[in-house]
């Protein structure tokens, strides 16, 4: 059985590739905005939205490869006020998000869903608590000069594998969850299914 990663994220692919797992990549076409609006309109738990998005992406890709095992992934950021952040549309919105997060903790949730023969056979989500430091406008502008547009695909406007680590005072949680893929849980499932060696 082939293993397909339903994600356009370069960091997720890099993380998975580093484990030696053989997989292919197919990008999912999902209207995330519509799903987020529907989720919030129904007053569902924002912490579970990452899982709903991951499953939607995996199901969309599984339509084109029904005989494969498809894994979809997603991450969400929720502020202390309960607001859900999306990927910044432009540099100004990235700056706005970062100013709003400065000096406060926020919750990052990463999830994956495994689809086989059109149904979800396994899913997992994990959370991390990140506290962003207060920073100057000069630092923010310098940060965006160096990191934009690469962070345009990053919820919250940062990536910890780069200059983004300088935005934080404290980080509590699994490293791989923060990078966007709870890798240990995924590898455990792939071993169980004999896709990777025990």
N, C-alpha and C. Protein backbone atom coordinates (compact mmCIF):
# COMPACT_ATOMS: atom_id res chain seq x y z
N UNK A 1 0.84 -1.19 0.00
CA UNK A 1 0.00 0.00 0.00
C UNK A 1 0.88 1.24 0.00
N UNK A 2 0.61 2.15 -0.93
CA UNK A 2 1.39 3.39 -1.01
C UNK A 2 0.94 4.36 0.07
N UNK A 3 1.86 5.20 0.49
CA UNK A 3 1.61 6.19 1.54
C UNK A 3 1.69 7.58 0.89
N UNK A 4 0.62 8.36 1.04
CA UNK A 4 0.53 9.68 0.41
C UNK A 4 0.36 10.75 1.47
N UNK A 5 1.16 11.79 1.39
CA UNK A 5 1.03 12.94 2.28
C UNK A 5 0.22 14.01 1.56
N UNK A 6 -0.95 14.33 2.12
CA UNK A 6 -1.84 15.33 1.53
C UNK A 6 -1.54 16.69 2.14
N UNK A 7 -0.39 17.24 1.77
CA UNK A 7 0.02 18.52 2.34
C UNK A 7 0.99 19.21 1.40
N UNK A 8 0.85 20.53 1.29
CA UNK A 8 1.79 21.31 0.48
C UNK A 8 2.90 21.91 1.34
N UNK A 9 2.90 21.59 2.64
CA UNK A 9 3.87 22.16 3.57
C UNK A 9 5.26 21.57 3.35
N UNK A 10 6.22 22.44 3.10
CA UNK A 10 7.60 21.99 2.89
C UNK A 10 8.18 21.41 4.18
N UNK A 11 7.86 22.03 5.32
CA UNK A 11 8.44 21.57 6.58
C UNK A 11 7.89 20.19 6.96
N UNK A 12 6.60 19.95 6.70
CA UNK A 12 6.05 18.61 7.01
C UNK A 12 6.72 17.54 6.15
N UNK A 13 6.89 17.85 4.87
CA UNK A 13 7.56 16.90 3.97
C UNK A 13 9.00 16.67 4.42
N UNK A 14 9.69 17.72 4.83
CA UNK A 14 11.08 17.60 5.28
C UNK A 14 11.16 16.75 6.54
N UNK A 15 10.26 16.99 7.49
CA UNK A 15 10.23 16.19 8.72
C UNK A 15 10.03 14.72 8.41
N UNK A 16 9.05 14.42 7.56
CA UNK A 16 8.74 13.03 7.24
C UNK A 16 9.86 12.38 6.45
N UNK A 17 10.44 13.13 5.52
CA UNK A 17 11.54 12.59 4.71
C UNK A 17 12.74 12.23 5.58
N UNK A 18 12.97 13.00 6.64
CA UNK A 18 14.11 12.76 7.51
C UNK A 18 14.00 11.43 8.26
N UNK A 19 12.80 10.87 8.33
CA UNK A 19 12.61 9.59 9.04
C UNK A 19 12.92 8.38 8.17
N UNK A 20 13.11 8.61 6.87
CA UNK A 20 13.38 7.51 5.96
C UNK A 20 12.13 6.85 5.41
N UNK A 21 10.96 7.38 5.73
CA UNK A 21 9.70 6.82 5.24
C UNK A 21 9.53 7.18 3.77
N UNK A 22 9.09 6.21 2.98
CA UNK A 22 8.84 6.44 1.56
C UNK A 22 7.40 6.93 1.37
N UNK A 23 7.23 8.05 0.69
CA UNK A 23 5.89 8.59 0.48
C UNK A 23 5.87 9.49 -0.74
N UNK A 24 4.68 9.76 -1.23
CA UNK A 24 4.50 10.72 -2.30
C UNK A 24 3.66 11.88 -1.75
N UNK A 25 3.64 12.98 -2.48
CA UNK A 25 2.91 14.17 -2.04
C UNK A 25 1.86 14.52 -3.07
N UNK A 26 0.64 14.73 -2.59
CA UNK A 26 -0.43 15.24 -3.44
C UNK A 26 -1.10 16.37 -2.67
N UNK A 27 -1.20 17.53 -3.28
CA UNK A 27 -1.78 18.68 -2.61
C UNK A 27 -3.29 18.61 -2.62
N UNK A 28 -3.87 18.88 -1.47
CA UNK A 28 -5.33 18.85 -1.33
C UNK A 28 -5.94 20.18 -1.72
N UNK A 29 -7.05 20.13 -2.45
CA UNK A 29 -7.80 21.34 -2.80
C UNK A 29 -9.01 21.41 -1.88
N UNK A 30 -8.87 22.17 -0.80
CA UNK A 30 -9.94 22.30 0.20
C UNK A 30 -10.15 23.78 0.48
N UNK A 31 -11.41 24.18 0.56
CA UNK A 31 -11.74 25.57 0.90
C UNK A 31 -11.68 25.72 2.41
N UNK A 32 -10.48 26.04 2.92
CA UNK A 32 -10.29 26.15 4.37
C UNK A 32 -11.13 27.27 4.97
N UNK A 33 -11.26 28.36 4.25
CA UNK A 33 -12.00 29.51 4.77
C UNK A 33 -13.46 29.14 5.04
N UNK A 34 -14.07 28.44 4.09
CA UNK A 34 -15.47 28.03 4.26
C UNK A 34 -15.63 27.08 5.44
N UNK A 35 -14.68 26.15 5.57
CA UNK A 35 -14.76 25.20 6.68
C UNK A 35 -14.57 25.89 8.02
N UNK A 36 -13.67 26.87 8.07
CA UNK A 36 -13.46 27.62 9.31
C UNK A 36 -14.70 28.43 9.69
N UNK A 37 -15.32 29.08 8.69
CA UNK A 37 -16.53 29.86 8.96
C UNK A 37 -17.66 28.96 9.46
N UNK A 38 -17.81 27.81 8.81
CA UNK A 38 -18.85 26.85 9.21
C UNK A 38 -18.60 26.37 10.64
N UNK A 39 -17.34 26.09 10.94
CA UNK A 39 -16.96 25.59 12.26
C UNK A 39 -17.28 26.63 13.34
N UNK A 40 -16.93 27.88 13.08
CA UNK A 40 -17.15 28.94 14.06
C UNK A 40 -18.63 29.29 14.18
N UNK A 41 -19.36 29.24 13.07
CA UNK A 41 -20.80 29.53 13.10
C UNK A 41 -21.55 28.52 13.96
N UNK A 42 -21.08 27.28 13.96
CA UNK A 42 -21.71 26.23 14.76
C UNK A 42 -21.17 26.19 16.18
N UNK A 43 -20.28 27.16 16.51
CA UNK A 43 -19.70 27.29 17.85
C UNK A 43 -19.05 25.98 18.32
N UNK A 44 -18.35 25.34 17.39
CA UNK A 44 -17.63 24.13 17.74
C UNK A 44 -16.31 24.49 18.41
N UNK A 45 -15.70 23.50 19.03
CA UNK A 45 -14.44 23.69 19.74
C UNK A 45 -13.33 24.00 18.75
N UNK A 46 -12.77 25.22 18.84
CA UNK A 46 -11.71 25.61 17.92
C UNK A 46 -10.51 24.69 17.98
N UNK A 47 -10.27 24.08 19.13
CA UNK A 47 -9.12 23.20 19.28
C UNK A 47 -9.23 21.97 18.39
N UNK A 48 -10.45 21.61 18.01
CA UNK A 48 -10.64 20.44 17.14
C UNK A 48 -10.70 20.80 15.65
N UNK A 49 -10.60 22.08 15.36
CA UNK A 49 -10.67 22.51 13.96
C UNK A 49 -9.49 21.97 13.15
N UNK A 50 -8.30 21.92 13.75
CA UNK A 50 -7.14 21.39 13.03
C UNK A 50 -7.40 19.97 12.55
N UNK A 51 -8.06 19.19 13.38
CA UNK A 51 -8.38 17.80 13.02
C UNK A 51 -9.39 17.75 11.88
N UNK A 52 -10.39 18.62 11.93
CA UNK A 52 -11.40 18.67 10.86
C UNK A 52 -10.76 19.06 9.53
N UNK A 53 -9.85 20.02 9.57
CA UNK A 53 -9.16 20.45 8.35
C UNK A 53 -8.24 19.34 7.82
N UNK A 54 -7.54 18.67 8.72
CA UNK A 54 -6.65 17.57 8.31
C UNK A 54 -7.44 16.46 7.63
N UNK A 55 -8.59 16.14 8.21
CA UNK A 55 -9.42 15.07 7.63
C UNK A 55 -9.98 15.48 6.28
N UNK A 56 -10.42 16.73 6.16
CA UNK A 56 -10.96 17.21 4.88
C UNK A 56 -9.91 17.13 3.78
N UNK A 57 -8.67 17.50 4.11
CA UNK A 57 -7.59 17.46 3.12
C UNK A 57 -7.28 16.02 2.70
N UNK A 58 -7.23 15.13 3.68
CA UNK A 58 -6.94 13.73 3.37
C UNK A 58 -8.05 13.11 2.52
N UNK A 59 -9.30 13.41 2.85
CA UNK A 59 -10.43 12.87 2.07
C UNK A 59 -10.41 13.39 0.65
N UNK A 60 -10.06 14.67 0.47
CA UNK A 60 -10.01 15.24 -0.88
C UNK A 60 -8.97 14.54 -1.75
N UNK A 61 -7.82 14.26 -1.18
CA UNK A 61 -6.75 13.58 -1.94
C UNK A 61 -7.10 12.11 -2.14
N UNK A 62 -7.72 11.48 -1.15
CA UNK A 62 -8.04 10.05 -1.24
C UNK A 62 -8.99 9.74 -2.39
N UNK A 63 -9.76 10.73 -2.83
CA UNK A 63 -10.64 10.50 -3.99
C UNK A 63 -9.85 10.14 -5.23
N UNK A 64 -8.62 10.64 -5.32
CA UNK A 64 -7.79 10.41 -6.51
C UNK A 64 -6.86 9.20 -6.35
N UNK A 65 -6.73 8.69 -5.15
CA UNK A 65 -5.89 7.50 -4.92
C UNK A 65 -6.56 6.63 -3.85
N UNK A 66 -7.69 6.01 -4.21
CA UNK A 66 -8.50 5.27 -3.23
C UNK A 66 -7.83 4.03 -2.65
N UNK A 67 -6.79 3.53 -3.30
CA UNK A 67 -6.12 2.32 -2.81
C UNK A 67 -4.94 2.62 -1.91
N UNK A 68 -4.66 3.90 -1.71
CA UNK A 68 -3.50 4.30 -0.91
C UNK A 68 -3.91 4.73 0.49
N UNK A 69 -2.94 4.79 1.36
CA UNK A 69 -3.14 5.32 2.70
C UNK A 69 -2.75 6.79 2.65
N UNK A 70 -3.72 7.67 2.93
CA UNK A 70 -3.52 9.11 2.76
C UNK A 70 -3.54 9.79 4.12
N UNK A 71 -2.56 10.65 4.35
CA UNK A 71 -2.47 11.40 5.60
C UNK A 71 -2.59 12.90 5.31
N UNK A 72 -3.59 13.52 5.93
CA UNK A 72 -3.76 14.96 5.85
C UNK A 72 -3.33 15.61 7.15
N UNK A 73 -2.84 16.83 7.09
CA UNK A 73 -2.33 17.53 8.28
C UNK A 73 -2.82 18.97 8.29
N UNK A 74 -2.93 19.52 9.49
CA UNK A 74 -3.20 20.95 9.61
C UNK A 74 -2.83 21.44 10.99
N UNK A 75 -2.66 22.76 11.09
CA UNK A 75 -2.36 23.40 12.37
C UNK A 75 -3.23 24.64 12.52
N UNK A 76 -3.61 24.94 13.75
CA UNK A 76 -4.36 26.16 14.04
C UNK A 76 -3.69 26.89 15.20
N UNK A 77 -3.92 28.20 15.24
CA UNK A 77 -3.44 29.03 16.35
C UNK A 77 -4.64 29.76 16.94
N UNK A 78 -4.79 29.65 18.25
CA UNK A 78 -5.88 30.30 18.96
C UNK A 78 -5.29 31.22 20.01
N UNK A 79 -5.74 32.48 20.02
CA UNK A 79 -5.23 33.46 20.96
C UNK A 79 -5.88 33.28 22.33
N UNK A 80 -5.35 33.99 23.32
CA UNK A 80 -5.92 33.91 24.67
C UNK A 80 -7.35 34.45 24.70
N UNK A 81 -7.70 35.30 23.73
CA UNK A 81 -9.06 35.83 23.64
C UNK A 81 -10.00 34.87 22.92
N UNK A 82 -9.47 33.74 22.45
CA UNK A 82 -10.28 32.75 21.76
C UNK A 82 -10.40 32.99 20.26
N UNK A 83 -9.62 33.93 19.73
CA UNK A 83 -9.67 34.20 18.29
C UNK A 83 -8.83 33.20 17.53
N UNK A 84 -9.35 32.79 16.39
CA UNK A 84 -8.65 31.85 15.52
C UNK A 84 -7.90 32.62 14.45
N UNK A 85 -6.60 32.41 14.36
CA UNK A 85 -5.79 33.09 13.34
C UNK A 85 -5.67 32.20 12.10
N UNK A 86 -5.64 32.84 10.95
CA UNK A 86 -5.41 32.14 9.69
C UNK A 86 -4.04 32.56 9.16
N UNK A 87 -3.63 31.95 8.06
CA UNK A 87 -2.38 32.36 7.43
C UNK A 87 -2.51 33.81 6.99
N UNK A 88 -1.50 34.63 7.21
CA UNK A 88 -1.60 36.05 6.84
C UNK A 88 -1.74 36.24 5.33
N UNK A 89 -2.66 37.13 4.95
CA UNK A 89 -2.89 37.38 3.53
C UNK A 89 -1.77 38.20 2.91
N UNK A 90 -1.17 39.05 3.72
CA UNK A 90 -0.08 39.90 3.23
C UNK A 90 0.82 40.28 4.40
N UNK A 91 1.86 41.02 4.10
CA UNK A 91 2.84 41.38 5.13
C UNK A 91 2.20 42.21 6.24
N UNK A 92 1.31 43.11 5.89
CA UNK A 92 0.66 43.95 6.90
C UNK A 92 -0.16 43.11 7.87
N UNK A 93 -0.86 42.10 7.34
CA UNK A 93 -1.65 41.25 8.23
C UNK A 93 -0.74 40.39 9.10
N UNK A 94 0.40 39.96 8.57
CA UNK A 94 1.37 39.21 9.38
C UNK A 94 1.84 40.07 10.55
N UNK A 95 2.14 41.34 10.27
CA UNK A 95 2.57 42.25 11.33
C UNK A 95 1.47 42.44 12.37
N UNK A 96 0.23 42.54 11.90
CA UNK A 96 -0.91 42.70 12.80
C UNK A 96 -1.05 41.48 13.71
N UNK A 97 -0.93 40.29 13.14
CA UNK A 97 -1.02 39.06 13.94
C UNK A 97 0.07 39.02 15.00
N UNK A 98 1.28 39.35 14.60
CA UNK A 98 2.41 39.28 15.52
C UNK A 98 2.29 40.31 16.64
N UNK A 99 1.81 41.50 16.32
CA UNK A 99 1.59 42.51 17.36
C UNK A 99 0.54 42.03 18.36
N UNK A 100 -0.49 41.37 17.85
CA UNK A 100 -1.56 40.86 18.71
C UNK A 100 -1.10 39.73 19.62
N UNK A 101 -0.13 38.95 19.17
CA UNK A 101 0.39 37.82 19.96
C UNK A 101 1.48 38.25 20.93
N UNK A 102 2.11 39.38 20.70
CA UNK A 102 3.26 39.81 21.51
C UNK A 102 2.90 39.95 22.98
N UNK A 103 3.76 39.36 23.82
CA UNK A 103 3.59 39.44 25.27
C UNK A 103 2.54 38.51 25.85
N UNK A 104 1.98 37.62 25.02
CA UNK A 104 0.89 36.74 25.47
C UNK A 104 1.15 35.29 25.05
N UNK A 105 0.51 34.35 25.75
CA UNK A 105 0.57 32.96 25.30
C UNK A 105 -0.50 32.70 24.23
N UNK A 106 -0.28 31.72 23.41
CA UNK A 106 -1.31 31.25 22.49
C UNK A 106 -1.19 29.74 22.34
N UNK A 107 -2.25 29.14 21.87
CA UNK A 107 -2.29 27.67 21.73
C UNK A 107 -2.16 27.30 20.27
N UNK A 108 -1.19 26.46 19.98
CA UNK A 108 -1.01 25.91 18.63
C UNK A 108 -1.43 24.45 18.67
N UNK A 109 -2.34 24.09 17.78
CA UNK A 109 -2.80 22.70 17.67
C UNK A 109 -2.39 22.15 16.32
N UNK A 110 -1.76 20.99 16.31
CA UNK A 110 -1.44 20.30 15.06
C UNK A 110 -2.10 18.94 15.07
N UNK A 111 -2.61 18.55 13.91
CA UNK A 111 -3.35 17.29 13.83
C UNK A 111 -3.05 16.60 12.50
N UNK A 112 -3.29 15.29 12.50
CA UNK A 112 -3.28 14.55 11.24
C UNK A 112 -4.41 13.54 11.25
N UNK A 113 -4.87 13.20 10.05
CA UNK A 113 -5.92 12.19 9.89
C UNK A 113 -5.49 11.22 8.80
N UNK A 114 -5.73 9.94 9.03
CA UNK A 114 -5.35 8.89 8.10
C UNK A 114 -6.60 8.34 7.43
N UNK A 115 -6.62 8.40 6.11
CA UNK A 115 -7.77 7.92 5.34
C UNK A 115 -7.38 6.67 4.56
N UNK A 116 -8.24 5.68 4.65
CA UNK A 116 -8.04 4.44 3.89
C UNK A 116 -9.38 3.99 3.35
N UNK A 117 -9.43 3.77 2.04
CA UNK A 117 -10.67 3.35 1.36
C UNK A 117 -11.84 4.28 1.70
N UNK A 118 -11.56 5.57 1.69
CA UNK A 118 -12.62 6.55 1.84
C UNK A 118 -13.09 6.85 3.24
N UNK A 119 -12.42 6.28 4.25
CA UNK A 119 -12.85 6.59 5.62
C UNK A 119 -11.65 6.83 6.52
N UNK A 120 -11.89 7.60 7.57
CA UNK A 120 -10.83 7.90 8.52
C UNK A 120 -10.62 6.70 9.44
N UNK A 121 -9.41 6.16 9.42
CA UNK A 121 -9.10 4.98 10.23
C UNK A 121 -8.28 5.34 11.47
N UNK A 122 -7.72 6.55 11.48
CA UNK A 122 -6.94 6.98 12.65
C UNK A 122 -6.76 8.50 12.57
N UNK A 123 -6.79 9.13 13.73
CA UNK A 123 -6.51 10.56 13.77
C UNK A 123 -5.85 10.89 15.10
N UNK A 124 -5.16 12.02 15.11
CA UNK A 124 -4.42 12.42 16.31
C UNK A 124 -4.23 13.93 16.28
N UNK A 125 -4.32 14.54 17.45
CA UNK A 125 -4.01 15.96 17.55
C UNK A 125 -3.27 16.21 18.86
N UNK A 126 -2.48 17.25 18.85
CA UNK A 126 -1.70 17.61 20.03
C UNK A 126 -1.60 19.13 20.09
N UNK A 127 -1.41 19.64 21.30
CA UNK A 127 -1.35 21.09 21.49
C UNK A 127 -0.04 21.50 22.15
N UNK A 128 0.35 22.73 21.86
CA UNK A 128 1.52 23.34 22.49
C UNK A 128 1.12 24.74 22.93
N UNK A 129 1.75 25.19 24.01
CA UNK A 129 1.51 26.54 24.52
C UNK A 129 2.77 27.37 24.28
N UNK A 130 2.63 28.43 23.52
CA UNK A 130 3.77 29.27 23.17
C UNK A 130 3.53 30.68 23.68
N UNK A 131 4.52 31.24 24.34
CA UNK A 131 4.42 32.60 24.85
C UNK A 131 5.38 33.50 24.09
N UNK A 132 4.80 34.47 23.39
CA UNK A 132 5.60 35.37 22.59
C UNK A 132 6.07 36.54 23.46
N UNK A 133 7.28 36.98 23.24
CA UNK A 133 7.83 38.09 24.02
C UNK A 133 7.36 39.42 23.46
N UNK A 134 7.52 40.45 24.24
CA UNK A 134 7.31 41.80 23.73
C UNK A 134 8.52 42.18 22.89
N UNK A 135 8.30 42.81 21.77
CA UNK A 135 9.40 43.19 20.88
C UNK A 135 9.13 44.56 20.29
N UNK A 136 10.17 45.20 19.82
CA UNK A 136 10.07 46.54 19.28
C UNK A 136 9.56 46.50 17.84
N UNK A 137 9.08 47.65 17.39
CA UNK A 137 8.66 47.77 15.99
C UNK A 137 9.86 47.59 15.06
N UNK A 138 11.02 48.04 15.50
CA UNK A 138 12.23 47.87 14.69
C UNK A 138 12.53 46.39 14.48
N UNK A 139 12.41 45.62 15.58
CA UNK A 139 12.65 44.18 15.44
C UNK A 139 11.61 43.56 14.51
N UNK A 140 10.35 43.94 14.68
CA UNK A 140 9.28 43.38 13.86
C UNK A 140 9.54 43.65 12.38
N UNK A 141 9.90 44.88 12.05
CA UNK A 141 10.16 45.22 10.64
C UNK A 141 11.36 44.45 10.11
N UNK A 142 12.40 44.33 10.91
CA UNK A 142 13.59 43.57 10.50
C UNK A 142 13.24 42.10 10.30
N UNK A 143 12.44 41.57 11.21
CA UNK A 143 12.00 40.17 11.12
C UNK A 143 11.23 39.94 9.82
N UNK A 144 10.27 40.82 9.53
CA UNK A 144 9.47 40.66 8.32
C UNK A 144 10.30 40.86 7.06
N UNK A 145 11.27 41.76 7.11
CA UNK A 145 12.17 41.94 5.97
C UNK A 145 12.87 40.63 5.60
N UNK A 146 13.23 39.88 6.63
CA UNK A 146 13.99 38.64 6.41
C UNK A 146 13.10 37.41 6.17
N UNK A 147 11.91 37.40 6.78
CA UNK A 147 11.08 36.19 6.75
C UNK A 147 9.92 36.24 5.76
N UNK A 148 9.52 37.41 5.33
CA UNK A 148 8.43 37.49 4.35
C UNK A 148 9.00 37.36 2.94
N UNK A 149 8.40 36.57 2.03
CA UNK A 149 7.08 35.95 2.12
C UNK A 149 7.07 34.51 2.60
N UNK A 150 8.22 33.97 3.04
CA UNK A 150 8.27 32.56 3.44
C UNK A 150 7.25 32.23 4.54
N UNK A 151 6.98 33.18 5.44
CA UNK A 151 6.04 32.90 6.52
C UNK A 151 4.59 33.11 6.11
N UNK A 152 4.34 33.42 4.84
CA UNK A 152 2.97 33.64 4.40
C UNK A 152 2.12 32.38 4.50
N UNK A 153 2.77 31.21 4.52
CA UNK A 153 2.02 29.96 4.66
C UNK A 153 2.01 29.46 6.11
N UNK A 154 2.48 30.28 7.05
CA UNK A 154 2.58 29.87 8.46
C UNK A 154 1.51 30.56 9.30
N UNK A 155 0.65 29.78 9.91
CA UNK A 155 -0.34 30.34 10.82
C UNK A 155 0.39 30.99 11.99
N UNK A 156 0.02 32.23 12.31
CA UNK A 156 0.69 32.95 13.38
C UNK A 156 1.82 33.84 12.89
N UNK A 157 2.31 33.58 11.67
CA UNK A 157 3.35 34.43 11.10
C UNK A 157 4.75 34.11 11.57
N UNK A 158 5.01 32.87 11.94
CA UNK A 158 6.36 32.50 12.37
C UNK A 158 6.66 31.05 12.01
N UNK A 159 7.93 30.76 11.95
CA UNK A 159 8.42 29.38 11.81
C UNK A 159 9.62 29.25 12.73
N UNK A 160 9.55 28.30 13.62
CA UNK A 160 10.58 28.18 14.65
C UNK A 160 11.91 27.68 14.12
N UNK A 161 11.91 27.11 12.93
CA UNK A 161 13.17 26.64 12.37
C UNK A 161 13.98 27.79 11.78
N UNK A 162 13.44 28.99 11.85
CA UNK A 162 14.14 30.16 11.35
C UNK A 162 14.24 31.25 12.40
N UNK A 163 14.22 32.48 11.94
CA UNK A 163 14.34 33.63 12.83
C UNK A 163 13.18 33.73 13.82
N UNK A 164 12.09 33.05 13.53
CA UNK A 164 10.91 33.09 14.40
C UNK A 164 11.17 32.67 15.83
N UNK A 165 12.19 31.87 16.06
CA UNK A 165 12.50 31.44 17.43
C UNK A 165 12.80 32.65 18.31
N UNK A 166 13.27 33.75 17.72
CA UNK A 166 13.59 34.94 18.50
C UNK A 166 12.35 35.70 18.98
N UNK A 167 11.17 35.28 18.53
CA UNK A 167 9.94 35.94 18.96
C UNK A 167 9.46 35.45 20.33
N UNK A 168 10.06 34.39 20.86
CA UNK A 168 9.45 33.70 22.00
C UNK A 168 10.24 33.80 23.30
N UNK A 169 9.47 33.86 24.40
CA UNK A 169 10.02 33.77 25.75
C UNK A 169 9.96 32.34 26.28
N UNK A 170 8.87 31.63 25.93
CA UNK A 170 8.65 30.30 26.50
C UNK A 170 7.86 29.45 25.52
N UNK A 171 8.24 28.17 25.44
CA UNK A 171 7.56 27.21 24.57
C UNK A 171 7.35 25.93 25.35
N UNK A 172 6.10 25.50 25.44
CA UNK A 172 5.77 24.26 26.14
C UNK A 172 5.04 23.34 25.18
N UNK A 173 5.64 22.19 24.91
CA UNK A 173 4.98 21.24 24.02
C UNK A 173 5.98 20.51 23.16
N UNK A 174 5.45 19.54 22.42
CA UNK A 174 6.27 18.69 21.57
C UNK A 174 6.81 19.48 20.37
N UNK A 175 8.09 19.30 20.11
CA UNK A 175 8.75 20.02 19.02
C UNK A 175 8.07 19.77 17.67
N UNK A 176 7.73 18.51 17.39
CA UNK A 176 7.15 18.18 16.10
C UNK A 176 5.73 18.73 15.96
N UNK A 177 5.00 18.77 17.05
CA UNK A 177 3.67 19.39 17.03
C UNK A 177 3.79 20.85 16.63
N UNK A 178 4.76 21.53 17.21
CA UNK A 178 4.97 22.95 16.91
C UNK A 178 5.39 23.14 15.45
N UNK A 179 6.11 22.17 14.90
CA UNK A 179 6.54 22.25 13.51
C UNK A 179 5.41 21.91 12.53
N UNK A 180 4.28 21.41 13.07
CA UNK A 180 3.11 21.17 12.22
C UNK A 180 2.72 19.74 11.99
N UNK A 181 3.44 18.79 12.60
CA UNK A 181 3.12 17.37 12.40
C UNK A 181 3.53 16.57 13.64
N UNK A 182 2.55 16.03 14.40
CA UNK A 182 2.89 15.18 15.55
C UNK A 182 3.53 13.87 15.06
N UNK A 183 4.81 13.94 14.79
CA UNK A 183 5.52 12.91 14.05
C UNK A 183 5.61 11.58 14.79
N UNK A 184 5.83 11.60 16.10
CA UNK A 184 5.98 10.34 16.83
C UNK A 184 4.69 9.51 16.77
N UNK A 185 3.55 10.16 16.91
CA UNK A 185 2.27 9.46 16.84
C UNK A 185 2.03 8.90 15.44
N UNK A 186 2.42 9.66 14.41
CA UNK A 186 2.25 9.18 13.04
C UNK A 186 3.15 7.98 12.77
N UNK A 187 4.41 8.05 13.21
CA UNK A 187 5.32 6.93 13.01
C UNK A 187 4.84 5.68 13.74
N UNK A 188 4.31 5.85 14.94
CA UNK A 188 3.78 4.70 15.69
C UNK A 188 2.65 4.03 14.92
N UNK A 189 1.78 4.84 14.30
CA UNK A 189 0.69 4.27 13.52
C UNK A 189 1.22 3.57 12.27
N UNK A 190 2.20 4.18 11.59
CA UNK A 190 2.75 3.56 10.39
C UNK A 190 3.47 2.25 10.71
N UNK A 191 4.09 2.17 11.88
CA UNK A 191 4.69 0.89 12.30
C UNK A 191 3.62 -0.16 12.54
N UNK A 192 2.54 0.26 13.15
CA UNK A 192 1.43 -0.66 13.44
C UNK A 192 0.85 -1.23 12.12
N UNK A 193 0.85 -0.40 11.09
CA UNK A 193 0.32 -0.83 9.80
C UNK A 193 1.39 -1.45 8.92
N UNK A 194 2.61 -1.62 9.46
CA UNK A 194 3.73 -2.24 8.74
C UNK A 194 4.17 -1.44 7.51
N UNK A 195 3.91 -0.14 7.53
CA UNK A 195 4.38 0.73 6.45
C UNK A 195 5.83 1.11 6.70
N UNK A 196 6.21 1.17 7.97
CA UNK A 196 7.61 1.29 8.32
C UNK A 196 7.97 0.10 9.21
N UNK A 197 9.25 -0.25 9.24
CA UNK A 197 9.68 -1.42 9.99
C UNK A 197 9.57 -1.21 11.48
N UNK A 198 9.24 -2.27 12.18
CA UNK A 198 9.15 -2.24 13.65
C UNK A 198 10.55 -2.30 14.25
